N, C-alpha and C. Protein backbone atom coordinates (compact mmCIF):
# COMPACT_ATOMS: atom_id res chain seq x y z
N UNK A 1 28.08 111.42 72.80
CA UNK A 1 27.37 112.74 72.66
C UNK A 1 26.23 112.68 71.71
N UNK A 2 25.05 113.00 72.20
CA UNK A 2 23.84 112.88 71.37
C UNK A 2 23.83 114.10 70.30
N UNK A 3 23.68 113.69 69.04
CA UNK A 3 23.53 114.76 68.09
C UNK A 3 22.04 115.30 68.04
N UNK A 4 22.19 116.71 67.91
CA UNK A 4 20.80 117.39 67.77
C UNK A 4 20.44 117.32 66.46
N UNK A 5 18.98 117.28 66.35
CA UNK A 5 18.55 117.17 64.97
C UNK A 5 18.57 118.40 64.27
N UNK A 6 18.72 118.26 62.87
CA UNK A 6 19.05 119.59 62.19
C UNK A 6 17.70 120.10 62.01
N UNK A 7 17.87 121.50 62.07
CA UNK A 7 16.46 122.37 62.17
C UNK A 7 15.98 122.50 60.71
N UNK A 8 14.80 122.39 60.51
CA UNK A 8 14.28 122.49 59.09
C UNK A 8 14.26 123.99 58.79
N UNK A 9 14.41 124.22 57.39
CA UNK A 9 14.51 125.54 56.93
C UNK A 9 13.08 126.39 57.44
N UNK A 10 13.17 127.56 57.77
CA UNK A 10 11.96 128.33 58.19
C UNK A 10 11.27 128.43 56.92
N UNK A 11 9.82 128.37 57.15
CA UNK A 11 8.95 128.53 56.25
C UNK A 11 8.76 127.45 55.30
N UNK A 12 9.33 126.44 55.20
CA UNK A 12 9.25 125.24 54.45
C UNK A 12 8.22 124.32 54.85
N UNK A 13 7.32 123.87 54.05
CA UNK A 13 6.28 123.02 54.39
C UNK A 13 7.10 121.45 54.51
N UNK A 14 6.55 120.91 55.61
CA UNK A 14 7.04 119.62 55.86
C UNK A 14 6.23 118.33 55.57
N UNK A 15 4.93 118.77 55.25
CA UNK A 15 3.94 117.69 54.92
C UNK A 15 4.38 116.99 53.83
N UNK A 16 3.99 115.73 53.59
CA UNK A 16 4.20 114.93 52.51
C UNK A 16 3.28 115.32 51.24
N UNK A 17 3.94 115.80 50.29
CA UNK A 17 3.31 116.33 49.03
C UNK A 17 3.57 115.46 47.86
N UNK A 18 3.08 114.39 47.75
CA UNK A 18 3.28 113.44 46.59
C UNK A 18 2.66 113.77 45.24
N UNK A 19 1.99 114.86 45.22
CA UNK A 19 1.35 115.34 43.99
C UNK A 19 2.14 116.03 42.98
N UNK A 20 3.46 116.53 43.33
CA UNK A 20 4.35 117.26 42.43
C UNK A 20 3.70 118.55 41.92
N UNK A 21 3.65 118.39 40.52
CA UNK A 21 2.99 119.51 39.72
C UNK A 21 1.54 119.32 39.41
N UNK A 22 0.99 118.23 39.96
CA UNK A 22 -0.36 117.92 39.57
C UNK A 22 -1.32 118.78 40.46
N UNK A 23 -2.11 119.69 40.12
CA UNK A 23 -2.96 120.55 41.01
C UNK A 23 -3.79 119.76 41.97
N UNK A 24 -4.51 118.87 41.29
CA UNK A 24 -5.44 117.99 42.03
C UNK A 24 -4.74 117.22 43.22
N UNK A 25 -3.82 116.56 42.83
CA UNK A 25 -2.90 115.68 43.92
C UNK A 25 -2.37 116.54 44.83
N UNK A 26 -1.97 117.73 44.54
CA UNK A 26 -1.49 118.62 45.50
C UNK A 26 -2.52 119.12 46.39
N UNK A 27 -3.66 119.33 45.93
CA UNK A 27 -4.68 119.82 46.96
C UNK A 27 -5.12 118.58 47.78
N UNK A 28 -5.29 117.44 47.33
CA UNK A 28 -5.70 116.32 48.01
C UNK A 28 -4.65 116.07 49.35
N UNK A 29 -3.39 116.12 48.94
CA UNK A 29 -2.27 115.93 49.84
C UNK A 29 -2.27 116.92 50.77
N UNK A 30 -2.48 118.06 50.56
CA UNK A 30 -2.56 119.41 51.32
C UNK A 30 -3.62 119.11 52.26
N UNK A 31 -5.03 118.68 51.96
CA UNK A 31 -6.14 118.63 52.87
C UNK A 31 -5.63 117.51 53.80
N UNK A 32 -4.97 116.64 53.33
CA UNK A 32 -4.86 115.41 54.34
C UNK A 32 -3.83 115.73 55.29
N UNK A 33 -2.71 116.60 54.87
CA UNK A 33 -1.65 116.93 55.79
C UNK A 33 -2.14 117.87 56.85
N UNK A 34 -3.10 118.65 56.51
CA UNK A 34 -3.81 119.56 57.51
C UNK A 34 -4.73 118.83 58.43
N UNK A 35 -5.33 117.83 57.83
CA UNK A 35 -6.27 116.95 58.65
C UNK A 35 -5.38 116.22 59.82
N UNK A 36 -4.27 115.84 59.42
CA UNK A 36 -3.39 115.30 60.61
C UNK A 36 -3.10 116.13 61.68
N UNK A 37 -3.30 117.42 61.61
CA UNK A 37 -2.90 118.53 62.64
C UNK A 37 -3.97 119.10 63.09
N UNK A 38 -5.19 119.31 62.29
CA UNK A 38 -6.25 120.20 62.79
C UNK A 38 -7.67 119.20 62.54
N UNK A 39 -8.65 119.62 63.28
CA UNK A 39 -9.86 118.91 63.15
C UNK A 39 -10.43 119.18 61.75
N UNK A 40 -10.72 118.22 60.99
CA UNK A 40 -11.39 118.30 59.56
C UNK A 40 -12.51 119.41 59.53
N UNK A 41 -13.41 119.47 60.47
CA UNK A 41 -14.51 120.36 60.44
C UNK A 41 -13.92 121.79 60.48
N UNK A 42 -12.71 122.05 60.93
CA UNK A 42 -12.11 123.46 61.12
C UNK A 42 -11.32 123.74 59.90
N UNK A 43 -11.23 123.00 59.00
CA UNK A 43 -10.33 123.24 57.69
C UNK A 43 -11.19 123.74 56.42
N UNK A 44 -10.94 124.81 56.00
CA UNK A 44 -11.68 125.41 55.02
C UNK A 44 -10.99 125.17 53.55
N UNK A 45 -11.72 125.47 52.53
CA UNK A 45 -10.94 125.48 51.31
C UNK A 45 -9.90 126.30 51.11
N UNK A 46 -9.85 127.51 51.74
CA UNK A 46 -8.92 128.60 51.59
C UNK A 46 -7.60 128.18 52.38
N UNK A 47 -7.73 127.48 53.37
CA UNK A 47 -6.59 126.85 53.91
C UNK A 47 -6.00 125.77 53.19
N UNK A 48 -6.87 125.08 52.67
CA UNK A 48 -6.23 124.00 51.86
C UNK A 48 -5.45 124.58 50.70
N UNK A 49 -6.03 125.54 50.00
CA UNK A 49 -5.42 126.23 48.99
C UNK A 49 -4.14 126.78 49.27
N UNK A 50 -3.99 127.30 50.55
CA UNK A 50 -2.88 128.01 50.91
C UNK A 50 -1.80 126.95 51.28
N UNK A 51 -2.17 125.65 51.70
CA UNK A 51 -1.26 124.64 52.18
C UNK A 51 -0.66 124.12 50.77
N UNK A 52 -1.49 124.05 49.83
CA UNK A 52 -1.24 123.56 48.35
C UNK A 52 -0.37 124.70 47.59
N UNK A 53 -0.28 125.88 48.15
CA UNK A 53 0.42 126.83 47.52
C UNK A 53 -0.06 127.02 46.30
N UNK A 54 -1.65 127.23 46.14
CA UNK A 54 -2.45 127.52 44.98
C UNK A 54 -3.48 128.56 45.27
N UNK A 55 -3.93 129.34 44.37
CA UNK A 55 -4.89 130.35 44.56
C UNK A 55 -6.27 129.58 44.68
N UNK A 56 -7.11 129.92 45.49
CA UNK A 56 -8.39 129.41 45.71
C UNK A 56 -9.22 129.40 44.46
N UNK A 57 -8.93 130.27 43.53
CA UNK A 57 -9.56 130.38 42.23
C UNK A 57 -9.27 129.06 41.31
N UNK A 58 -8.05 128.40 41.61
CA UNK A 58 -7.62 127.27 40.98
C UNK A 58 -8.09 126.02 41.79
N UNK A 59 -8.22 126.11 42.97
CA UNK A 59 -8.95 124.93 43.77
C UNK A 59 -10.21 124.78 43.38
N UNK A 60 -11.09 125.56 43.40
CA UNK A 60 -12.41 125.66 43.39
C UNK A 60 -13.16 124.77 42.32
N UNK A 61 -12.46 125.20 41.03
CA UNK A 61 -13.01 124.40 39.76
C UNK A 61 -12.54 122.93 40.04
N UNK A 62 -11.65 122.51 40.55
CA UNK A 62 -11.30 121.08 40.66
C UNK A 62 -11.89 120.51 41.89
N UNK A 63 -12.25 121.14 43.13
CA UNK A 63 -12.83 120.49 44.16
C UNK A 63 -13.69 121.74 44.75
N UNK A 64 -15.01 121.73 44.44
CA UNK A 64 -15.88 122.72 45.16
C UNK A 64 -16.13 122.46 46.54
N UNK A 65 -15.75 121.53 47.13
CA UNK A 65 -15.94 121.26 48.61
C UNK A 65 -15.08 120.20 49.17
N UNK A 66 -14.95 120.11 50.36
CA UNK A 66 -14.02 119.16 51.07
C UNK A 66 -14.54 117.69 50.85
N UNK A 67 -15.89 117.70 50.66
CA UNK A 67 -16.36 116.27 50.21
C UNK A 67 -15.77 115.84 48.88
N UNK A 68 -15.73 116.79 48.02
CA UNK A 68 -15.21 116.57 46.79
C UNK A 68 -13.66 116.00 46.74
N UNK A 69 -13.09 116.68 47.80
CA UNK A 69 -11.67 116.33 47.90
C UNK A 69 -11.46 114.84 48.42
N UNK A 70 -12.36 114.59 49.20
CA UNK A 70 -12.34 113.13 49.77
C UNK A 70 -12.66 112.09 48.64
N UNK A 71 -13.67 112.62 47.85
CA UNK A 71 -14.00 111.50 46.81
C UNK A 71 -12.97 111.41 45.91
N UNK A 72 -12.12 112.52 45.66
CA UNK A 72 -10.94 112.45 44.76
C UNK A 72 -9.96 111.58 45.34
N UNK A 73 -9.80 111.64 46.64
CA UNK A 73 -8.73 110.82 47.39
C UNK A 73 -9.28 109.25 47.27
N UNK A 74 -10.43 109.08 47.52
CA UNK A 74 -11.07 107.64 47.42
C UNK A 74 -10.69 107.14 45.85
N UNK A 75 -10.97 107.87 44.99
CA UNK A 75 -10.71 107.31 43.65
C UNK A 75 -9.07 107.16 43.42
N UNK A 76 -8.06 108.00 44.02
CA UNK A 76 -6.86 107.72 44.03
C UNK A 76 -6.41 106.52 44.77
N UNK A 77 -7.10 106.19 45.81
CA UNK A 77 -6.92 104.76 46.57
C UNK A 77 -7.21 103.80 45.55
N UNK A 78 -8.44 103.82 45.06
CA UNK A 78 -8.92 102.85 44.10
C UNK A 78 -7.87 102.48 43.08
N UNK A 79 -7.41 103.51 42.33
CA UNK A 79 -6.40 103.35 41.22
C UNK A 79 -5.13 102.69 41.88
N UNK A 80 -4.65 103.09 43.06
CA UNK A 80 -3.40 102.59 43.47
C UNK A 80 -3.58 101.17 43.92
N UNK A 81 -4.83 100.77 44.25
CA UNK A 81 -4.98 99.35 44.63
C UNK A 81 -5.10 98.31 43.34
N UNK A 82 -5.55 98.95 42.51
CA UNK A 82 -5.65 98.26 41.08
C UNK A 82 -4.17 98.18 40.32
N UNK A 83 -3.48 99.34 40.57
CA UNK A 83 -2.13 99.43 39.95
C UNK A 83 -1.18 98.46 40.52
N UNK A 84 -1.38 98.17 41.96
CA UNK A 84 -0.60 97.24 42.65
C UNK A 84 -1.01 95.70 42.53
N UNK A 85 -1.73 95.41 41.64
CA UNK A 85 -2.28 93.93 41.46
C UNK A 85 -1.24 93.30 40.80
N UNK A 86 -1.05 92.04 41.44
CA UNK A 86 0.24 91.23 40.92
C UNK A 86 -0.46 90.33 39.59
N UNK A 87 0.32 89.95 38.73
CA UNK A 87 -0.12 89.11 37.67
C UNK A 87 -1.03 87.80 37.95
N UNK A 88 -0.69 87.13 39.22
CA UNK A 88 -1.30 86.01 39.60
C UNK A 88 -2.52 86.29 40.56
N UNK A 89 -2.76 87.69 40.79
CA UNK A 89 -3.80 88.08 41.88
C UNK A 89 -5.19 87.39 41.57
N UNK A 90 -5.42 87.05 40.45
CA UNK A 90 -6.73 86.40 40.28
C UNK A 90 -6.85 84.84 40.40
N UNK A 91 -5.82 84.29 40.82
CA UNK A 91 -5.74 82.81 41.37
C UNK A 91 -6.34 82.70 42.73
N UNK A 92 -6.90 81.57 42.97
CA UNK A 92 -7.33 81.27 44.39
C UNK A 92 -8.79 81.53 44.38
N UNK A 93 -9.26 81.33 45.61
CA UNK A 93 -10.65 81.52 45.82
C UNK A 93 -11.01 83.00 45.99
N UNK A 94 -12.51 83.22 45.96
CA UNK A 94 -12.78 84.48 46.11
C UNK A 94 -12.54 85.39 47.28
N UNK A 95 -12.54 84.66 48.52
CA UNK A 95 -12.31 85.03 49.80
C UNK A 95 -10.80 85.46 49.81
N UNK A 96 -9.89 84.75 49.27
CA UNK A 96 -8.56 85.00 49.20
C UNK A 96 -8.31 86.22 48.32
N UNK A 97 -8.94 86.32 47.27
CA UNK A 97 -8.75 87.32 46.38
C UNK A 97 -9.18 88.80 47.05
N UNK A 98 -10.37 88.49 47.70
CA UNK A 98 -10.73 89.81 48.36
C UNK A 98 -9.87 90.20 49.45
N UNK A 99 -9.40 89.30 50.14
CA UNK A 99 -8.44 89.65 51.22
C UNK A 99 -7.22 90.37 50.91
N UNK A 100 -6.79 89.74 49.73
CA UNK A 100 -5.70 90.53 49.11
C UNK A 100 -5.86 91.91 48.67
N UNK A 101 -7.07 91.94 48.17
CA UNK A 101 -7.29 93.43 47.63
C UNK A 101 -7.55 94.38 48.63
N UNK A 102 -8.30 93.90 49.77
CA UNK A 102 -8.56 94.92 50.81
C UNK A 102 -7.31 95.22 51.67
N UNK A 103 -6.47 94.41 51.79
CA UNK A 103 -5.05 94.51 52.43
C UNK A 103 -4.27 95.63 51.67
N UNK A 104 -4.34 95.41 50.35
CA UNK A 104 -3.62 96.44 49.48
C UNK A 104 -4.37 97.81 49.80
N UNK A 105 -5.49 97.82 49.78
CA UNK A 105 -6.24 99.07 50.25
C UNK A 105 -5.64 99.66 51.39
N UNK A 106 -5.65 98.81 52.54
CA UNK A 106 -5.07 99.52 53.73
C UNK A 106 -3.62 99.89 53.65
N UNK A 107 -2.75 99.23 52.89
CA UNK A 107 -1.41 99.64 52.64
C UNK A 107 -1.48 101.12 51.94
N UNK A 108 -2.41 101.36 50.98
CA UNK A 108 -2.44 102.60 50.33
C UNK A 108 -2.97 103.66 51.23
N UNK A 109 -3.80 103.24 52.10
CA UNK A 109 -4.17 104.36 53.02
C UNK A 109 -3.10 104.71 54.31
N UNK A 110 -2.24 103.80 54.42
CA UNK A 110 -1.20 103.93 55.57
C UNK A 110 -0.59 105.31 55.68
N UNK A 111 -0.21 105.75 54.55
CA UNK A 111 0.58 107.25 54.70
C UNK A 111 -0.19 108.25 55.22
N UNK A 112 -1.51 108.20 55.31
CA UNK A 112 -2.39 109.29 55.73
C UNK A 112 -3.41 108.77 56.98
N UNK A 113 -2.80 107.76 57.74
CA UNK A 113 -3.71 107.17 58.73
C UNK A 113 -3.98 108.14 59.80
N UNK A 114 -3.08 108.84 60.28
CA UNK A 114 -3.26 109.94 61.26
C UNK A 114 -4.62 110.93 60.84
N UNK A 115 -4.55 111.29 59.73
CA UNK A 115 -5.55 112.23 59.20
C UNK A 115 -6.77 111.57 58.99
N UNK A 116 -6.82 110.27 58.72
CA UNK A 116 -8.19 109.65 58.29
C UNK A 116 -8.91 109.41 59.64
N UNK A 117 -8.16 109.04 60.84
CA UNK A 117 -9.04 108.94 62.04
C UNK A 117 -9.66 110.01 62.50
N UNK A 118 -9.02 111.34 62.21
CA UNK A 118 -9.77 112.49 62.72
C UNK A 118 -11.14 112.82 61.57
N UNK A 119 -10.87 112.64 60.22
CA UNK A 119 -11.83 112.65 59.31
C UNK A 119 -12.90 111.84 59.72
N UNK A 120 -12.67 110.53 59.68
CA UNK A 120 -13.77 109.57 60.13
C UNK A 120 -14.52 110.11 61.16
N UNK A 121 -13.96 110.47 62.27
CA UNK A 121 -14.57 110.89 63.48
C UNK A 121 -15.48 112.12 63.22
N UNK A 122 -15.05 113.19 62.40
CA UNK A 122 -15.79 114.36 62.01
C UNK A 122 -17.16 113.94 61.26
N UNK A 123 -16.79 112.99 60.22
CA UNK A 123 -17.79 112.59 59.30
C UNK A 123 -19.07 111.97 60.13
N UNK A 124 -18.75 111.34 61.27
CA UNK A 124 -19.74 110.72 61.97
C UNK A 124 -20.69 111.68 62.56
N UNK A 125 -20.15 112.88 62.93
CA UNK A 125 -20.92 113.95 63.55
C UNK A 125 -21.74 114.84 62.61
N UNK A 126 -21.63 114.39 61.35
CA UNK A 126 -22.10 115.28 60.20
C UNK A 126 -22.83 114.46 59.29
N UNK A 127 -24.35 114.08 59.59
CA UNK A 127 -25.04 113.16 58.82
C UNK A 127 -25.04 113.46 57.30
N UNK A 128 -25.05 114.54 56.81
CA UNK A 128 -25.02 114.86 55.43
C UNK A 128 -23.87 114.47 54.77
N UNK A 129 -22.74 114.98 55.47
CA UNK A 129 -21.29 114.55 54.94
C UNK A 129 -21.19 112.97 54.88
N UNK A 130 -21.82 112.25 56.16
CA UNK A 130 -21.56 111.02 56.14
C UNK A 130 -22.16 110.33 54.89
N UNK A 131 -23.46 110.78 54.68
CA UNK A 131 -24.27 110.16 53.61
C UNK A 131 -23.46 110.33 52.32
N UNK A 132 -22.89 111.27 51.88
CA UNK A 132 -21.99 111.50 50.75
C UNK A 132 -20.82 110.72 50.70
N UNK A 133 -20.34 110.43 51.90
CA UNK A 133 -19.06 109.55 52.14
C UNK A 133 -19.48 108.25 51.86
N UNK A 134 -20.68 107.74 52.24
CA UNK A 134 -21.31 106.29 51.80
C UNK A 134 -21.39 106.19 50.33
N UNK A 135 -21.70 107.20 49.69
CA UNK A 135 -21.95 107.05 48.08
C UNK A 135 -20.38 106.66 47.60
N UNK A 136 -19.52 107.44 48.16
CA UNK A 136 -18.20 107.19 47.55
C UNK A 136 -17.55 105.80 47.96
N UNK A 137 -17.96 105.42 49.15
CA UNK A 137 -17.53 104.18 49.72
C UNK A 137 -18.31 103.06 48.91
N UNK A 138 -19.55 103.00 48.49
CA UNK A 138 -20.11 102.14 47.74
C UNK A 138 -19.24 102.07 46.23
N UNK A 139 -18.98 103.11 45.76
CA UNK A 139 -18.17 103.36 44.45
C UNK A 139 -16.92 102.38 44.69
N UNK A 140 -15.97 102.71 45.69
CA UNK A 140 -14.75 102.06 45.93
C UNK A 140 -14.92 100.59 46.19
N UNK A 141 -16.05 100.19 46.91
CA UNK A 141 -16.22 98.80 46.98
C UNK A 141 -16.48 97.97 46.03
N UNK A 142 -17.42 98.69 45.02
CA UNK A 142 -17.57 98.12 43.73
C UNK A 142 -16.28 97.79 43.04
N UNK A 143 -15.53 98.84 42.98
CA UNK A 143 -14.07 98.77 42.46
C UNK A 143 -13.27 97.70 42.99
N UNK A 144 -13.28 97.59 44.46
CA UNK A 144 -12.60 96.37 44.93
C UNK A 144 -13.13 95.03 44.57
N UNK A 145 -14.31 94.92 44.33
CA UNK A 145 -14.99 93.64 43.84
C UNK A 145 -14.30 93.28 42.48
N UNK A 146 -14.55 94.30 41.64
CA UNK A 146 -13.94 93.96 40.31
C UNK A 146 -12.59 93.57 40.45
N UNK A 147 -11.72 94.30 41.20
CA UNK A 147 -10.33 93.88 41.26
C UNK A 147 -10.13 92.50 41.74
N UNK A 148 -10.99 92.03 42.55
CA UNK A 148 -10.85 90.66 43.03
C UNK A 148 -11.61 89.72 41.95
N UNK A 149 -12.07 90.22 40.80
CA UNK A 149 -12.62 89.36 39.68
C UNK A 149 -14.01 88.89 40.18
N UNK A 150 -14.66 89.64 40.89
CA UNK A 150 -16.19 89.51 41.18
C UNK A 150 -16.85 90.76 40.86
N UNK A 151 -18.03 90.14 40.03
CA UNK A 151 -18.77 91.19 39.38
C UNK A 151 -19.59 92.15 40.43
N UNK A 152 -19.70 93.26 40.35
CA UNK A 152 -20.35 94.22 41.11
C UNK A 152 -21.72 94.70 40.33
N UNK A 153 -22.13 94.07 39.47
CA UNK A 153 -23.31 94.42 38.54
C UNK A 153 -24.34 93.60 39.14
N UNK A 154 -25.61 94.05 38.86
CA UNK A 154 -26.77 93.23 39.03
C UNK A 154 -27.29 93.34 40.48
N UNK A 155 -28.23 92.65 40.73
CA UNK A 155 -28.78 92.46 42.18
C UNK A 155 -27.73 91.86 43.13
N UNK A 156 -27.02 90.62 42.37
CA UNK A 156 -26.03 90.09 43.24
C UNK A 156 -24.98 91.04 43.52
N UNK A 157 -24.59 91.87 42.71
CA UNK A 157 -23.56 92.80 42.85
C UNK A 157 -23.73 93.83 43.87
N UNK A 158 -25.08 94.20 43.98
CA UNK A 158 -25.45 95.30 45.05
C UNK A 158 -25.44 94.71 46.41
N UNK A 159 -25.80 93.41 46.49
CA UNK A 159 -25.70 92.80 47.83
C UNK A 159 -24.26 92.56 48.15
N UNK A 160 -23.29 92.31 47.20
CA UNK A 160 -21.92 92.04 47.37
C UNK A 160 -21.28 93.39 47.85
N UNK A 161 -21.57 94.56 47.35
CA UNK A 161 -21.24 95.93 47.58
C UNK A 161 -21.43 96.22 49.04
N UNK A 162 -22.78 96.07 49.40
CA UNK A 162 -23.20 96.06 50.83
C UNK A 162 -22.52 95.34 51.68
N UNK A 163 -22.32 94.09 51.50
CA UNK A 163 -21.53 93.27 52.48
C UNK A 163 -20.32 93.70 52.50
N UNK A 164 -19.51 93.91 51.41
CA UNK A 164 -18.18 94.27 51.59
C UNK A 164 -17.98 95.75 52.18
N UNK A 165 -18.86 96.66 52.03
CA UNK A 165 -19.03 97.82 52.70
C UNK A 165 -18.88 97.69 54.22
N UNK A 166 -20.02 96.88 54.74
CA UNK A 166 -19.78 96.57 56.02
C UNK A 166 -18.57 95.87 56.62
N UNK A 167 -17.94 95.17 55.83
CA UNK A 167 -16.77 94.52 56.41
C UNK A 167 -15.57 95.28 56.33
N UNK A 168 -15.60 96.27 55.27
CA UNK A 168 -14.40 97.16 55.22
C UNK A 168 -14.76 98.24 56.42
N UNK A 169 -15.88 98.78 56.72
CA UNK A 169 -15.91 99.73 57.74
C UNK A 169 -15.61 99.13 59.21
N UNK A 170 -15.99 97.81 59.46
CA UNK A 170 -15.54 97.08 60.63
C UNK A 170 -14.02 96.91 60.73
N UNK A 171 -13.50 96.57 59.45
CA UNK A 171 -12.16 96.23 59.80
C UNK A 171 -11.33 97.71 59.71
N UNK A 172 -11.82 98.72 59.11
CA UNK A 172 -11.23 99.92 59.24
C UNK A 172 -11.07 100.44 60.59
N UNK A 173 -12.12 100.28 61.40
CA UNK A 173 -12.02 100.59 62.93
C UNK A 173 -10.91 100.02 63.43
N UNK A 174 -10.63 98.61 63.24
CA UNK A 174 -9.51 97.94 63.81
C UNK A 174 -8.27 98.44 63.34
N UNK A 175 -8.19 98.77 62.02
CA UNK A 175 -6.94 99.25 61.32
C UNK A 175 -6.44 100.57 62.03
N UNK A 176 -7.56 101.44 62.17
CA UNK A 176 -7.16 102.79 62.72
C UNK A 176 -6.34 102.54 64.21
N UNK A 177 -6.74 101.54 65.07
CA UNK A 177 -6.11 101.23 66.15
C UNK A 177 -5.02 100.40 66.25
N UNK A 178 -4.80 99.70 65.00
CA UNK A 178 -3.66 98.72 64.85
C UNK A 178 -2.39 99.22 64.71
N UNK A 179 -1.56 98.91 65.76
CA UNK A 179 -0.18 99.66 65.59
C UNK A 179 0.97 98.48 65.33
N UNK A 180 0.54 97.24 65.22
CA UNK A 180 1.57 96.20 65.01
C UNK A 180 2.03 96.25 63.65
N UNK A 181 3.38 95.94 63.59
CA UNK A 181 4.02 96.09 62.34
C UNK A 181 3.59 95.28 61.08
N UNK A 182 2.93 94.10 61.35
CA UNK A 182 2.53 93.38 60.31
C UNK A 182 0.71 93.39 60.29
N UNK A 183 0.16 94.46 60.82
CA UNK A 183 -1.16 94.54 60.78
C UNK A 183 -1.95 93.35 61.24
N UNK A 184 -1.57 92.74 62.12
CA UNK A 184 -2.02 91.20 62.61
C UNK A 184 -3.46 91.54 62.91
N UNK A 185 -3.74 92.52 63.76
CA UNK A 185 -5.22 92.51 64.32
C UNK A 185 -6.16 92.91 63.06
N UNK A 186 -5.74 93.67 62.23
CA UNK A 186 -6.52 93.98 60.95
C UNK A 186 -6.70 92.76 60.12
N UNK A 187 -5.61 92.10 59.80
CA UNK A 187 -5.79 90.69 59.10
C UNK A 187 -6.65 89.94 59.70
N UNK A 188 -6.55 89.67 61.19
CA UNK A 188 -7.50 88.75 61.71
C UNK A 188 -9.01 89.05 61.61
N UNK A 189 -9.23 90.34 61.78
CA UNK A 189 -10.61 90.89 61.71
C UNK A 189 -11.03 90.86 60.16
N UNK A 190 -10.45 91.22 59.40
CA UNK A 190 -10.89 91.11 57.95
C UNK A 190 -11.04 89.59 57.47
N UNK A 191 -10.15 88.54 57.94
CA UNK A 191 -10.26 87.33 57.47
C UNK A 191 -11.60 86.64 58.05
N UNK A 192 -11.67 86.96 59.39
CA UNK A 192 -12.95 86.54 60.21
C UNK A 192 -14.21 86.93 59.49
N UNK A 193 -14.45 88.17 59.25
CA UNK A 193 -15.60 88.73 58.72
C UNK A 193 -15.76 88.19 57.18
N UNK A 194 -14.75 87.97 56.46
CA UNK A 194 -14.76 87.51 55.16
C UNK A 194 -15.26 86.10 55.06
N UNK A 195 -14.70 85.26 56.02
CA UNK A 195 -14.98 83.94 56.30
C UNK A 195 -16.80 83.78 56.61
N UNK A 196 -17.11 84.69 57.46
CA UNK A 196 -18.51 84.90 57.77
C UNK A 196 -19.55 85.01 56.54
N UNK A 197 -18.91 86.00 55.59
CA UNK A 197 -19.64 86.30 54.49
C UNK A 197 -19.88 85.23 53.61
N UNK A 198 -18.60 84.65 53.55
CA UNK A 198 -18.59 83.26 52.60
C UNK A 198 -19.57 82.28 53.14
N UNK A 199 -19.49 82.14 54.45
CA UNK A 199 -20.41 81.05 54.89
C UNK A 199 -21.81 81.33 54.64
N UNK A 200 -22.14 82.77 54.81
CA UNK A 200 -23.61 83.13 54.66
C UNK A 200 -24.01 83.04 53.21
N UNK A 201 -22.91 83.21 52.29
CA UNK A 201 -23.32 83.05 50.88
C UNK A 201 -23.57 81.73 50.42
N UNK A 202 -22.71 80.82 51.00
CA UNK A 202 -22.74 79.28 50.69
C UNK A 202 -24.14 78.87 51.18
N UNK A 203 -24.63 79.30 52.31
CA UNK A 203 -25.85 78.91 53.08
C UNK A 203 -27.01 79.39 52.01
N UNK A 204 -26.94 80.50 51.63
CA UNK A 204 -28.09 81.19 50.81
C UNK A 204 -28.17 80.34 49.41
N UNK A 205 -26.85 80.08 48.86
CA UNK A 205 -26.72 79.33 47.56
C UNK A 205 -27.35 77.96 47.86
N UNK A 206 -27.34 77.33 48.92
CA UNK A 206 -27.93 75.96 49.15
C UNK A 206 -29.51 76.25 49.29
N UNK A 207 -29.86 77.23 49.98
CA UNK A 207 -31.18 77.36 50.03
C UNK A 207 -31.94 77.64 48.65
N UNK A 208 -31.25 78.30 47.55
CA UNK A 208 -31.83 78.47 46.40
C UNK A 208 -31.86 77.26 45.51
N UNK A 209 -30.76 76.33 45.96
CA UNK A 209 -30.69 75.22 45.02
C UNK A 209 -31.61 73.95 45.62
N UNK A 210 -31.81 73.81 46.91
CA UNK A 210 -32.68 72.74 47.50
C UNK A 210 -34.05 73.10 47.05
N UNK A 211 -34.77 71.91 46.51
CA UNK A 211 -36.14 72.26 46.45
C UNK A 211 -36.91 72.28 47.79
N UNK A 212 -38.08 73.00 47.99
CA UNK A 212 -38.80 73.06 49.15
C UNK A 212 -39.36 71.58 49.40
N UNK A 213 -39.38 71.59 50.87
CA UNK A 213 -40.01 70.08 51.17
C UNK A 213 -41.51 69.96 50.82
N UNK A 214 -41.91 68.76 50.64
CA UNK A 214 -43.22 68.61 50.08
C UNK A 214 -44.23 68.81 51.46
N UNK A 215 -45.16 69.42 51.28
CA UNK A 215 -46.12 69.86 52.43
C UNK A 215 -47.18 68.64 52.57
N UNK A 216 -47.35 68.25 53.82
CA UNK A 216 -48.18 67.32 53.95
C UNK A 216 -49.74 67.46 53.47
N UNK A 217 -50.39 66.58 52.90
CA UNK A 217 -51.73 66.82 52.41
C UNK A 217 -52.70 66.93 53.53
N UNK A 218 -53.51 67.78 53.40
CA UNK A 218 -54.64 68.01 54.47
C UNK A 218 -55.46 66.91 54.59
N UNK A 219 -55.69 66.41 55.92
CA UNK A 219 -56.48 65.43 56.27
C UNK A 219 -57.91 65.61 55.76
C-alpha cells in the first residue's frame, strides 16, 4: 500500500530560508524562493518583504531594489566559494585552480538553480538591469581570480576579468540545462573554454617575448 505524503501545516512557508535571524540573508532567500515560482519582473519589494516576514520599512534600508538584492546574493556566493577553499587549493596550474574555483561557484549556486534561470531570462530583457548585473559580475569574477591566486589588478587583471566573465556566462548557460548528477556537461564546457583561454594567453605571451623580424632594407 502506497503511503500518502504528509500534508504540510497550513500557512507555513516551505521555501528554503537559510538566513535564520539575519534580515539580509532572509530577504535574499525570500527573493530567490519567489523567483523559483514567479517571474522576476513581477516580484516587488513588498512581496519579498512579506515572504521574508519583515516589514518593508526594514527591507528598504538594506536593499533599496531587487538589483541590490541580486548584488547581495552575488557577494554571498563569492564568500561561500572562498570559504570552501581547501588548504592545497593553490597548488597546480592556473587553469586547474580556476576550474576548481568556478566549479565551487556552481555548487554554491545549485540550491537556487530554478530561480536563477528565470532571473537571468528577465535580466536579458531589461538592458538597464543587465548593465547593473554586469558590474556585479565583474566584481565576482575578480574575486574568483583572486581565489585562484591570480591577480585581478592592473591592465592584465582587467583582461583576465573580461575573459573569465565570458567563460563564466557561457558555462552558466550550459549549467542551467545540465541535469547530470556530476555536472559532466558543465565541466566539459568550462574545461574547454579555460584551455582555449590558456592557449590564447600563451600565444600572446610569445608575441611579447619574440623580437620582431628584421625588415628587408629598401633597394
